[in-house]
Amino acid sequence: MMGLRILLAVLLFGFGLASVFADSSTPENVCELKNGTSCEECLKNVTCLWCITTKSCVTYPVRTILPPHALCPLNDARWGLCWMNFQILIITLSVVGGILIIAFLVCLFCCCKCENIGSSRSEAKMQRQANKLRTKQDERRAEMKQRHQEIRQKYGELFSLLVCVCQQSATYTASKL
């Protein structure tokens, strides 16, 4: 079950990376056509990056992940939202991603720990049940020994009485002969 979860996580991560690094089918000059317009107009297209210092709309360089400083400094670059610079966006997304990873690891740790606690609880319960059965069995065994002892005492006296009777009758018949 755990292997299936890990496989699912790896597949989702792989598809996410593939979609990020996939080439867009739009022509590269779509963003450049929006030069001289506003930031809002430029950022309507997801593949575009707005540079405040040059007031130009450029195609986002997907292959380099971060836009090079020569294209536009990170403080002046806008992508997705005009009111948030690209540097703050990267920092925010990194912090949120880090928090999500830490939360995932904490949940994973807690689940494994709870699973171990649950198994130790069930083992302790099974041990208690085995001890109960063992004590009941010992009690039954002691009762049976007591009963056998009583039978031996009861019939042991009868047996010794029979032996005495047999011996007396044997001596009686022997004396008659």
N, C-alpha and C. Protein backbone atom coordinates (compact mmCIF):
# COMPACT_ATOMS: atom_id res chain seq x y z
N MET A 1 0.83 -1.19 0.00
CA MET A 1 0.00 0.00 0.00
C MET A 1 0.87 1.25 0.00
N MET A 2 1.96 1.21 0.79
CA MET A 2 2.85 2.36 0.88
C MET A 2 3.56 2.59 -0.45
N GLY A 3 3.93 1.50 -1.13
CA GLY A 3 4.60 1.61 -2.43
C GLY A 3 3.69 2.25 -3.47
N LEU A 4 2.40 1.96 -3.39
CA LEU A 4 1.43 2.54 -4.32
C LEU A 4 1.32 4.05 -4.10
N ARG A 5 1.35 4.47 -2.84
CA ARG A 5 1.29 5.90 -2.53
C ARG A 5 2.52 6.63 -3.07
N ILE A 6 3.68 6.02 -2.89
CA ILE A 6 4.91 6.65 -3.37
C ILE A 6 4.91 6.72 -4.89
N LEU A 7 4.47 5.65 -5.54
CA LEU A 7 4.39 5.63 -7.00
C LEU A 7 3.46 6.72 -7.51
N LEU A 8 2.31 6.88 -6.85
CA LEU A 8 1.35 7.92 -7.24
C LEU A 8 1.96 9.31 -7.08
N ALA A 9 2.68 9.53 -5.98
CA ALA A 9 3.31 10.83 -5.76
C ALA A 9 4.37 11.12 -6.82
N VAL A 10 5.17 10.11 -7.17
CA VAL A 10 6.21 10.29 -8.19
C VAL A 10 5.58 10.57 -9.55
N LEU A 11 4.51 9.86 -9.88
CA LEU A 11 3.83 10.11 -11.16
C LEU A 11 3.26 11.52 -11.23
N LEU A 12 2.61 11.96 -10.16
CA LEU A 12 2.06 13.32 -10.14
C LEU A 12 3.17 14.37 -10.28
N PHE A 13 4.28 14.14 -9.57
CA PHE A 13 5.40 15.06 -9.67
C PHE A 13 5.96 15.08 -11.09
N GLY A 14 6.08 13.91 -11.71
CA GLY A 14 6.59 13.83 -13.09
C GLY A 14 5.69 14.54 -14.08
N PHE A 15 4.37 14.33 -13.96
CA PHE A 15 3.44 15.01 -14.86
C PHE A 15 3.47 16.52 -14.64
N GLY A 16 3.64 16.94 -13.39
CA GLY A 16 3.72 18.37 -13.10
C GLY A 16 4.94 18.99 -13.76
N LEU A 17 6.10 18.32 -13.64
CA LEU A 17 7.31 18.83 -14.28
C LEU A 17 7.17 18.83 -15.80
N ALA A 18 6.56 17.79 -16.34
CA ALA A 18 6.39 17.72 -17.79
C ALA A 18 5.51 18.85 -18.29
N SER A 19 4.47 19.18 -17.53
CA SER A 19 3.59 20.26 -17.98
C SER A 19 4.26 21.62 -17.86
N VAL A 20 5.15 21.78 -16.86
CA VAL A 20 5.86 23.06 -16.72
C VAL A 20 6.86 23.26 -17.84
N PHE A 21 7.59 22.19 -18.17
CA PHE A 21 8.65 22.33 -19.17
C PHE A 21 8.19 22.06 -20.60
N ALA A 22 6.92 21.81 -20.79
CA ALA A 22 6.41 21.56 -22.15
C ALA A 22 6.47 22.85 -22.97
N ASP A 23 6.76 22.68 -24.24
CA ASP A 23 6.78 23.85 -25.13
C ASP A 23 5.36 24.31 -25.39
N SER A 24 5.18 25.60 -25.42
CA SER A 24 3.85 26.12 -25.74
C SER A 24 3.67 26.12 -27.25
N SER A 25 2.44 25.94 -27.67
CA SER A 25 2.17 25.88 -29.10
C SER A 25 1.93 27.26 -29.69
N THR A 26 1.93 28.30 -28.84
CA THR A 26 1.71 29.65 -29.36
C THR A 26 2.98 30.18 -29.98
N PRO A 27 2.86 31.00 -30.98
CA PRO A 27 4.06 31.57 -31.59
C PRO A 27 4.77 32.48 -30.60
N GLU A 28 6.10 32.60 -30.75
CA GLU A 28 6.91 33.33 -29.78
C GLU A 28 6.70 34.83 -29.82
N ASN A 29 6.20 35.37 -30.87
CA ASN A 29 6.08 36.83 -30.97
C ASN A 29 4.76 37.36 -30.44
N VAL A 30 3.91 36.52 -29.84
CA VAL A 30 2.62 37.00 -29.31
C VAL A 30 2.86 38.01 -28.21
N CYS A 31 3.80 37.72 -27.32
CA CYS A 31 4.07 38.64 -26.21
C CYS A 31 4.71 39.94 -26.70
N GLU A 32 5.61 39.83 -27.66
CA GLU A 32 6.28 41.02 -28.17
C GLU A 32 5.31 41.96 -28.88
N LEU A 33 4.21 41.42 -29.40
CA LEU A 33 3.20 42.26 -30.04
C LEU A 33 2.50 43.17 -29.03
N LYS A 34 2.57 42.82 -27.75
CA LYS A 34 1.89 43.60 -26.72
C LYS A 34 2.81 44.64 -26.08
N ASN A 35 3.96 44.89 -26.67
CA ASN A 35 4.83 45.97 -26.17
C ASN A 35 4.12 47.30 -26.32
N GLY A 36 4.29 48.16 -25.34
CA GLY A 36 3.64 49.47 -25.38
C GLY A 36 2.25 49.44 -24.77
N THR A 37 1.77 48.26 -24.40
CA THR A 37 0.46 48.19 -23.74
C THR A 37 0.68 48.21 -22.23
N SER A 38 -0.34 47.86 -21.49
CA SER A 38 -0.22 47.85 -20.03
C SER A 38 0.22 46.48 -19.52
N CYS A 39 0.58 46.46 -18.25
CA CYS A 39 0.98 45.20 -17.61
C CYS A 39 -0.18 44.21 -17.62
N GLU A 40 -1.38 44.69 -17.32
CA GLU A 40 -2.55 43.80 -17.29
C GLU A 40 -2.80 43.16 -18.65
N GLU A 41 -2.66 43.96 -19.70
CA GLU A 41 -2.87 43.44 -21.06
C GLU A 41 -1.82 42.39 -21.39
N CYS A 42 -0.57 42.63 -20.99
CA CYS A 42 0.52 41.70 -21.27
C CYS A 42 0.32 40.38 -20.54
N LEU A 43 -0.08 40.46 -19.28
CA LEU A 43 -0.15 39.25 -18.45
C LEU A 43 -1.43 38.45 -18.64
N LYS A 44 -2.29 38.88 -19.58
CA LYS A 44 -3.46 38.06 -19.90
C LYS A 44 -3.02 36.74 -20.51
N ASN A 45 -1.88 36.76 -21.18
CA ASN A 45 -1.30 35.54 -21.74
C ASN A 45 -0.30 34.99 -20.71
N VAL A 46 -0.45 33.73 -20.35
CA VAL A 46 0.37 33.12 -19.30
C VAL A 46 1.84 33.02 -19.71
N THR A 47 2.12 32.99 -20.99
CA THR A 47 3.50 32.83 -21.44
C THR A 47 4.27 34.14 -21.46
N CYS A 48 3.61 35.24 -21.08
CA CYS A 48 4.26 36.55 -21.16
C CYS A 48 4.79 37.01 -19.81
N LEU A 49 5.85 37.83 -19.89
CA LEU A 49 6.49 38.42 -18.72
C LEU A 49 6.58 39.92 -18.95
N TRP A 50 6.16 40.72 -17.95
CA TRP A 50 6.19 42.18 -18.07
C TRP A 50 7.38 42.71 -17.31
N CYS A 51 8.16 43.58 -17.95
CA CYS A 51 9.30 44.20 -17.31
C CYS A 51 8.97 45.67 -17.09
N ILE A 52 8.98 46.12 -15.83
CA ILE A 52 8.59 47.49 -15.49
C ILE A 52 9.61 48.50 -16.00
N THR A 53 10.91 48.22 -15.86
CA THR A 53 11.93 49.20 -16.23
C THR A 53 11.89 49.53 -17.72
N THR A 54 11.69 48.52 -18.55
CA THR A 54 11.66 48.76 -20.00
C THR A 54 10.25 48.91 -20.53
N LYS A 55 9.24 48.64 -19.68
CA LYS A 55 7.82 48.67 -20.06
C LYS A 55 7.59 47.84 -21.32
N SER A 56 8.18 46.64 -21.28
CA SER A 56 8.04 45.75 -22.43
C SER A 56 7.46 44.41 -22.00
N CYS A 57 6.79 43.80 -22.95
CA CYS A 57 6.19 42.48 -22.74
C CYS A 57 7.04 41.49 -23.52
N VAL A 58 7.60 40.50 -22.82
CA VAL A 58 8.47 39.52 -23.47
C VAL A 58 7.96 38.11 -23.18
N THR A 59 8.35 37.20 -24.04
CA THR A 59 7.98 35.80 -23.83
C THR A 59 8.80 35.25 -22.67
N TYR A 60 8.11 34.56 -21.77
CA TYR A 60 8.79 34.01 -20.59
C TYR A 60 9.77 32.92 -21.02
N PRO A 61 11.03 33.00 -20.58
CA PRO A 61 12.03 31.99 -20.97
C PRO A 61 11.85 30.70 -20.15
N VAL A 62 11.07 29.79 -20.68
CA VAL A 62 10.73 28.57 -19.95
C VAL A 62 11.95 27.69 -19.72
N ARG A 63 12.86 27.64 -20.67
CA ARG A 63 14.00 26.74 -20.57
C ARG A 63 14.97 27.12 -19.45
N THR A 64 15.02 28.38 -19.08
CA THR A 64 15.95 28.80 -18.03
C THR A 64 15.28 28.89 -16.66
N ILE A 65 14.02 28.58 -16.57
CA ILE A 65 13.19 28.63 -15.36
C ILE A 65 13.08 30.06 -14.84
N LEU A 66 14.18 30.66 -14.43
CA LEU A 66 14.15 32.06 -14.00
C LEU A 66 14.60 32.94 -15.16
N PRO A 67 13.95 34.09 -15.34
CA PRO A 67 14.39 34.97 -16.43
C PRO A 67 15.77 35.54 -16.13
N PRO A 68 16.65 35.59 -17.14
CA PRO A 68 18.00 36.13 -16.91
C PRO A 68 17.94 37.62 -16.58
N HIS A 69 18.94 38.09 -15.84
CA HIS A 69 19.00 39.49 -15.42
C HIS A 69 19.08 40.43 -16.63
N ALA A 70 19.71 39.96 -17.71
CA ALA A 70 19.82 40.79 -18.92
C ALA A 70 18.44 41.03 -19.54
N LEU A 71 17.54 40.07 -19.42
CA LEU A 71 16.20 40.23 -19.96
C LEU A 71 15.40 41.20 -19.11
N CYS A 72 15.40 40.97 -17.79
CA CYS A 72 14.69 41.85 -16.85
C CYS A 72 15.10 41.46 -15.44
N PRO A 73 15.47 42.42 -14.58
CA PRO A 73 15.81 42.08 -13.19
C PRO A 73 14.58 41.49 -12.48
N LEU A 74 14.82 40.58 -11.55
CA LEU A 74 13.71 39.91 -10.87
C LEU A 74 12.81 40.88 -10.11
N ASN A 75 13.38 41.95 -9.54
CA ASN A 75 12.56 42.93 -8.82
C ASN A 75 11.60 43.67 -9.74
N ASP A 76 11.98 43.80 -11.01
CA ASP A 76 11.14 44.55 -11.95
C ASP A 76 10.28 43.64 -12.83
N ALA A 77 10.46 42.35 -12.72
CA ALA A 77 9.70 41.41 -13.56
C ALA A 77 8.35 41.12 -12.91
N ARG A 78 7.33 41.05 -13.75
CA ARG A 78 5.98 40.71 -13.30
C ARG A 78 5.49 39.54 -14.14
N TRP A 79 4.94 38.54 -13.45
CA TRP A 79 4.40 37.37 -14.14
C TRP A 79 3.19 36.89 -13.35
N GLY A 80 2.08 36.77 -14.00
CA GLY A 80 0.86 36.33 -13.35
C GLY A 80 0.08 37.46 -12.72
N LEU A 81 0.72 38.26 -11.88
CA LEU A 81 0.08 39.38 -11.18
C LEU A 81 0.92 40.63 -11.34
N CYS A 82 0.29 41.74 -11.69
CA CYS A 82 1.03 42.98 -11.90
C CYS A 82 1.51 43.60 -10.59
N TRP A 83 0.81 43.39 -9.52
CA TRP A 83 1.16 44.04 -8.26
C TRP A 83 2.21 43.27 -7.46
N MET A 84 2.61 42.07 -7.92
CA MET A 84 3.62 41.29 -7.19
C MET A 84 4.83 41.06 -8.08
N ASN A 85 6.01 41.50 -7.58
CA ASN A 85 7.19 41.27 -8.41
C ASN A 85 7.59 39.80 -8.38
N PHE A 86 8.35 39.42 -9.37
CA PHE A 86 8.67 38.02 -9.60
C PHE A 86 9.50 37.44 -8.46
N GLN A 87 10.36 38.25 -7.87
CA GLN A 87 11.21 37.78 -6.78
C GLN A 87 10.36 37.40 -5.56
N ILE A 88 9.39 38.25 -5.21
CA ILE A 88 8.50 37.93 -4.09
C ILE A 88 7.65 36.71 -4.42
N LEU A 89 7.22 36.60 -5.66
CA LEU A 89 6.43 35.45 -6.08
C LEU A 89 7.22 34.15 -5.91
N ILE A 90 8.48 34.17 -6.31
CA ILE A 90 9.34 32.99 -6.18
C ILE A 90 9.55 32.64 -4.70
N ILE A 91 9.83 33.67 -3.89
CA ILE A 91 10.04 33.42 -2.46
C ILE A 91 8.77 32.87 -1.82
N THR A 92 7.63 33.46 -2.15
CA THR A 92 6.35 33.01 -1.58
C THR A 92 6.05 31.57 -1.98
N LEU A 93 6.22 31.27 -3.26
CA LEU A 93 5.96 29.90 -3.71
C LEU A 93 6.94 28.90 -3.09
N SER A 94 8.19 29.32 -2.91
CA SER A 94 9.17 28.44 -2.27
C SER A 94 8.80 28.16 -0.82
N VAL A 95 8.38 29.20 -0.10
CA VAL A 95 7.98 29.02 1.30
C VAL A 95 6.75 28.11 1.39
N VAL A 96 5.76 28.37 0.55
CA VAL A 96 4.55 27.54 0.56
C VAL A 96 4.90 26.10 0.20
N GLY A 97 5.74 25.93 -0.81
CA GLY A 97 6.17 24.57 -1.18
C GLY A 97 6.92 23.88 -0.05
N GLY A 98 7.81 24.62 0.61
CA GLY A 98 8.54 24.05 1.75
C GLY A 98 7.61 23.65 2.88
N ILE A 99 6.62 24.51 3.16
CA ILE A 99 5.64 24.20 4.21
C ILE A 99 4.84 22.95 3.84
N LEU A 100 4.45 22.86 2.57
CA LEU A 100 3.70 21.67 2.14
C LEU A 100 4.54 20.40 2.25
N ILE A 101 5.81 20.49 1.89
CA ILE A 101 6.69 19.31 2.00
C ILE A 101 6.87 18.92 3.45
N ILE A 102 7.10 19.91 4.32
CA ILE A 102 7.26 19.62 5.75
C ILE A 102 5.97 19.02 6.32
N ALA A 103 4.82 19.59 5.94
CA ALA A 103 3.54 19.06 6.42
C ALA A 103 3.34 17.62 5.95
N PHE A 104 3.70 17.34 4.70
CA PHE A 104 3.59 15.98 4.17
C PHE A 104 4.48 15.02 4.96
N LEU A 105 5.72 15.44 5.23
CA LEU A 105 6.64 14.58 5.97
C LEU A 105 6.16 14.35 7.40
N VAL A 106 5.60 15.41 8.03
CA VAL A 106 5.06 15.26 9.39
C VAL A 106 3.89 14.29 9.38
N CYS A 107 3.00 14.43 8.41
CA CYS A 107 1.86 13.51 8.31
C CYS A 107 2.33 12.08 8.07
N LEU A 108 3.31 11.92 7.22
CA LEU A 108 3.85 10.60 6.93
C LEU A 108 4.46 9.99 8.20
N PHE A 109 5.22 10.80 8.94
CA PHE A 109 5.83 10.33 10.19
C PHE A 109 4.76 9.95 11.20
N CYS A 110 3.74 10.81 11.34
CA CYS A 110 2.66 10.53 12.31
C CYS A 110 1.89 9.27 11.93
N CYS A 111 1.62 9.09 10.65
CA CYS A 111 0.90 7.89 10.21
C CYS A 111 1.71 6.63 10.52
N CYS A 112 3.00 6.67 10.24
CA CYS A 112 3.85 5.51 10.51
C CYS A 112 3.92 5.25 12.01
N LYS A 113 4.04 6.31 12.80
CA LYS A 113 4.13 6.17 14.25
C LYS A 113 2.82 5.61 14.80
N CYS A 114 1.69 6.13 14.34
CA CYS A 114 0.38 5.64 14.80
C CYS A 114 0.18 4.19 14.40
N GLU A 115 0.66 3.82 13.23
CA GLU A 115 0.54 2.44 12.78
C GLU A 115 1.34 1.52 13.68
N ASN A 116 2.55 1.96 14.08
CA ASN A 116 3.37 1.16 14.98
C ASN A 116 2.73 1.07 16.36
N ILE A 117 2.14 2.17 16.83
CA ILE A 117 1.47 2.15 18.13
C ILE A 117 0.28 1.20 18.08
N GLY A 118 -0.47 1.25 16.99
CA GLY A 118 -1.61 0.36 16.83
C GLY A 118 -1.21 -1.10 16.83
N SER A 119 -0.10 -1.42 16.16
CA SER A 119 0.33 -2.81 16.12
C SER A 119 0.83 -3.25 17.49
N SER A 120 1.50 -2.37 18.23
CA SER A 120 1.94 -2.75 19.57
C SER A 120 0.75 -2.91 20.51
N ARG A 121 -0.29 -2.11 20.31
CA ARG A 121 -1.50 -2.27 21.11
C ARG A 121 -2.16 -3.61 20.83
N SER A 122 -2.25 -3.96 19.55
CA SER A 122 -2.88 -5.25 19.21
C SER A 122 -2.03 -6.41 19.72
N GLU A 123 -0.70 -6.27 19.67
CA GLU A 123 0.16 -7.32 20.21
C GLU A 123 -0.04 -7.46 21.71
N ALA A 124 -0.17 -6.34 22.42
CA ALA A 124 -0.40 -6.38 23.86
C ALA A 124 -1.75 -7.03 24.17
N LYS A 125 -2.76 -6.71 23.37
CA LYS A 125 -4.08 -7.30 23.57
C LYS A 125 -4.02 -8.81 23.35
N MET A 126 -3.34 -9.23 22.30
CA MET A 126 -3.20 -10.66 22.03
C MET A 126 -2.45 -11.35 23.17
N GLN A 127 -1.43 -10.69 23.71
CA GLN A 127 -0.67 -11.25 24.82
C GLN A 127 -1.55 -11.41 26.06
N ARG A 128 -2.39 -10.41 26.34
CA ARG A 128 -3.31 -10.49 27.48
C ARG A 128 -4.29 -11.65 27.30
N GLN A 129 -4.82 -11.79 26.08
CA GLN A 129 -5.75 -12.90 25.82
C GLN A 129 -5.06 -14.25 25.98
N ALA A 130 -3.83 -14.35 25.52
CA ALA A 130 -3.09 -15.60 25.66
C ALA A 130 -2.84 -15.91 27.13
N ASN A 131 -2.52 -14.88 27.92
CA ASN A 131 -2.31 -15.08 29.35
C ASN A 131 -3.60 -15.53 30.04
N LYS A 132 -4.74 -14.94 29.66
CA LYS A 132 -6.03 -15.35 30.22
C LYS A 132 -6.30 -16.82 29.90
N LEU A 133 -6.10 -17.18 28.63
CA LEU A 133 -6.33 -18.57 28.24
C LEU A 133 -5.40 -19.52 28.99
N ARG A 134 -4.16 -19.11 29.17
CA ARG A 134 -3.18 -19.95 29.87
C ARG A 134 -3.60 -20.15 31.34
N THR A 135 -4.05 -19.07 31.99
CA THR A 135 -4.47 -19.20 33.39
C THR A 135 -5.73 -20.07 33.51
N LYS A 136 -6.68 -19.90 32.58
CA LYS A 136 -7.87 -20.75 32.60
C LYS A 136 -7.48 -22.21 32.41
N GLN A 137 -6.57 -22.45 31.48
CA GLN A 137 -6.12 -23.81 31.22
C GLN A 137 -5.42 -24.39 32.45
N ASP A 138 -4.60 -23.59 33.12
CA ASP A 138 -3.92 -24.05 34.33
C ASP A 138 -4.94 -24.36 35.43
N GLU A 139 -5.97 -23.51 35.55
CA GLU A 139 -7.02 -23.77 36.55
C GLU A 139 -7.74 -25.08 36.24
N ARG A 140 -8.10 -25.28 34.97
CA ARG A 140 -8.76 -26.53 34.59
C ARG A 140 -7.87 -27.74 34.85
N ARG A 141 -6.59 -27.58 34.56
CA ARG A 141 -5.64 -28.67 34.78
C ARG A 141 -5.55 -29.00 36.28
N ALA A 142 -5.52 -27.94 37.11
CA ALA A 142 -5.47 -28.15 38.56
C ALA A 142 -6.75 -28.83 39.06
N GLU A 143 -7.90 -28.40 38.52
CA GLU A 143 -9.17 -29.05 38.90
C GLU A 143 -9.17 -30.52 38.51
N MET A 144 -8.68 -30.82 37.32
CA MET A 144 -8.63 -32.21 36.86
C MET A 144 -7.69 -33.04 37.75
N LYS A 145 -6.55 -32.47 38.14
CA LYS A 145 -5.63 -33.18 39.03
C LYS A 145 -6.29 -33.45 40.37
N GLN A 146 -7.00 -32.45 40.87
CA GLN A 146 -7.70 -32.61 42.14
C GLN A 146 -8.75 -33.72 42.03
N ARG A 147 -9.51 -33.70 40.95
CA ARG A 147 -10.53 -34.71 40.73
C ARG A 147 -9.90 -36.11 40.62
N HIS A 148 -8.80 -36.19 39.88
CA HIS A 148 -8.11 -37.48 39.75
C HIS A 148 -7.57 -37.95 41.09
N GLN A 149 -7.06 -37.02 41.86
CA GLN A 149 -6.53 -37.36 43.19
C GLN A 149 -7.66 -37.90 44.08
N GLU A 150 -8.82 -37.23 44.01
CA GLU A 150 -9.96 -37.70 44.80
C GLU A 150 -10.39 -39.09 44.35
N ILE A 151 -10.41 -39.31 43.05
CA ILE A 151 -10.79 -40.63 42.52
C ILE A 151 -9.78 -41.68 42.97
N ARG A 152 -8.49 -41.32 42.90
CA ARG A 152 -7.46 -42.26 43.33
C ARG A 152 -7.60 -42.59 44.82
N GLN A 153 -7.87 -41.55 45.60
CA GLN A 153 -8.03 -41.79 47.03
C GLN A 153 -9.25 -42.66 47.29
N LYS A 154 -10.35 -42.33 46.62
CA LYS A 154 -11.58 -43.07 46.84
C LYS A 154 -11.43 -44.52 46.39
N TYR A 155 -10.98 -44.70 45.17
CA TYR A 155 -10.87 -46.05 44.64
C TYR A 155 -9.57 -46.72 45.03
N GLY A 156 -8.59 -45.95 45.42
CA GLY A 156 -7.34 -46.53 45.92
C GLY A 156 -7.60 -47.28 47.21
N GLU A 157 -8.43 -46.74 48.12
CA GLU A 157 -8.80 -47.41 49.36
C GLU A 157 -9.62 -48.66 49.04
N LEU A 158 -10.52 -48.53 48.08
CA LEU A 158 -11.33 -49.67 47.67
C LEU A 158 -10.45 -50.76 47.08
N PHE A 159 -9.45 -50.33 46.27
CA PHE A 159 -8.54 -51.29 45.65
C PHE A 159 -7.72 -52.01 46.73
N SER A 160 -7.22 -51.25 47.70
CA SER A 160 -6.45 -51.89 48.76
C SER A 160 -7.35 -52.81 49.60
N LEU A 161 -8.61 -52.41 49.76
CA LEU A 161 -9.57 -53.26 50.46
C LEU A 161 -9.81 -54.55 49.68
N LEU A 162 -9.93 -54.42 48.35
CA LEU A 162 -10.11 -55.60 47.51
C LEU A 162 -8.89 -56.52 47.57
N VAL A 163 -7.71 -55.93 47.60
CA VAL A 163 -6.48 -56.72 47.67
C VAL A 163 -6.46 -57.49 49.00
N CYS A 164 -6.84 -56.80 50.07
CA CYS A 164 -6.86 -57.47 51.37
C CYS A 164 -7.87 -58.62 51.39
N VAL A 165 -9.04 -58.36 50.80
CA VAL A 165 -10.08 -59.39 50.74
C VAL A 165 -9.59 -60.57 49.93
N CYS A 166 -8.93 -60.27 48.82
CA CYS A 166 -8.42 -61.34 47.96
C CYS A 166 -7.35 -62.15 48.71
N GLN A 167 -6.50 -61.48 49.44
CA GLN A 167 -5.45 -62.17 50.17
C GLN A 167 -6.06 -63.04 51.28
N GLN A 168 -7.07 -62.49 51.94
CA GLN A 168 -7.70 -63.26 53.00
C GLN A 168 -8.41 -64.48 52.43
N SER A 169 -9.07 -64.30 51.30
CA SER A 169 -9.76 -65.45 50.72
C SER A 169 -8.75 -66.46 50.21
N ALA A 170 -7.60 -65.97 49.73
CA ALA A 170 -6.58 -66.90 49.26
C ALA A 170 -6.01 -67.69 50.44
N THR A 171 -5.79 -67.03 51.54
CA THR A 171 -5.28 -67.75 52.71
C THR A 171 -6.34 -68.68 53.28
N TYR A 172 -7.58 -68.30 53.20
CA TYR A 172 -8.68 -69.14 53.68
C TYR A 172 -8.79 -70.40 52.84
N THR A 173 -8.72 -70.24 51.52
CA THR A 173 -8.80 -71.41 50.65
C THR A 173 -7.55 -72.26 50.77
N ALA A 174 -6.43 -71.65 51.00
CA ALA A 174 -5.19 -72.40 51.14
C ALA A 174 -5.20 -73.20 52.45
N SER A 175 -5.80 -72.64 53.47
CA SER A 175 -5.85 -73.35 54.74
C SER A 175 -6.83 -74.52 54.68
N LYS A 176 -7.82 -74.45 53.86
CA LYS A 176 -8.76 -75.54 53.69
C LYS A 176 -8.14 -76.66 52.89
N LEU A 177 -7.24 -76.39 52.11
CA LEU A 177 -6.63 -77.44 51.30
C LEU A 177 -5.67 -78.14 52.17
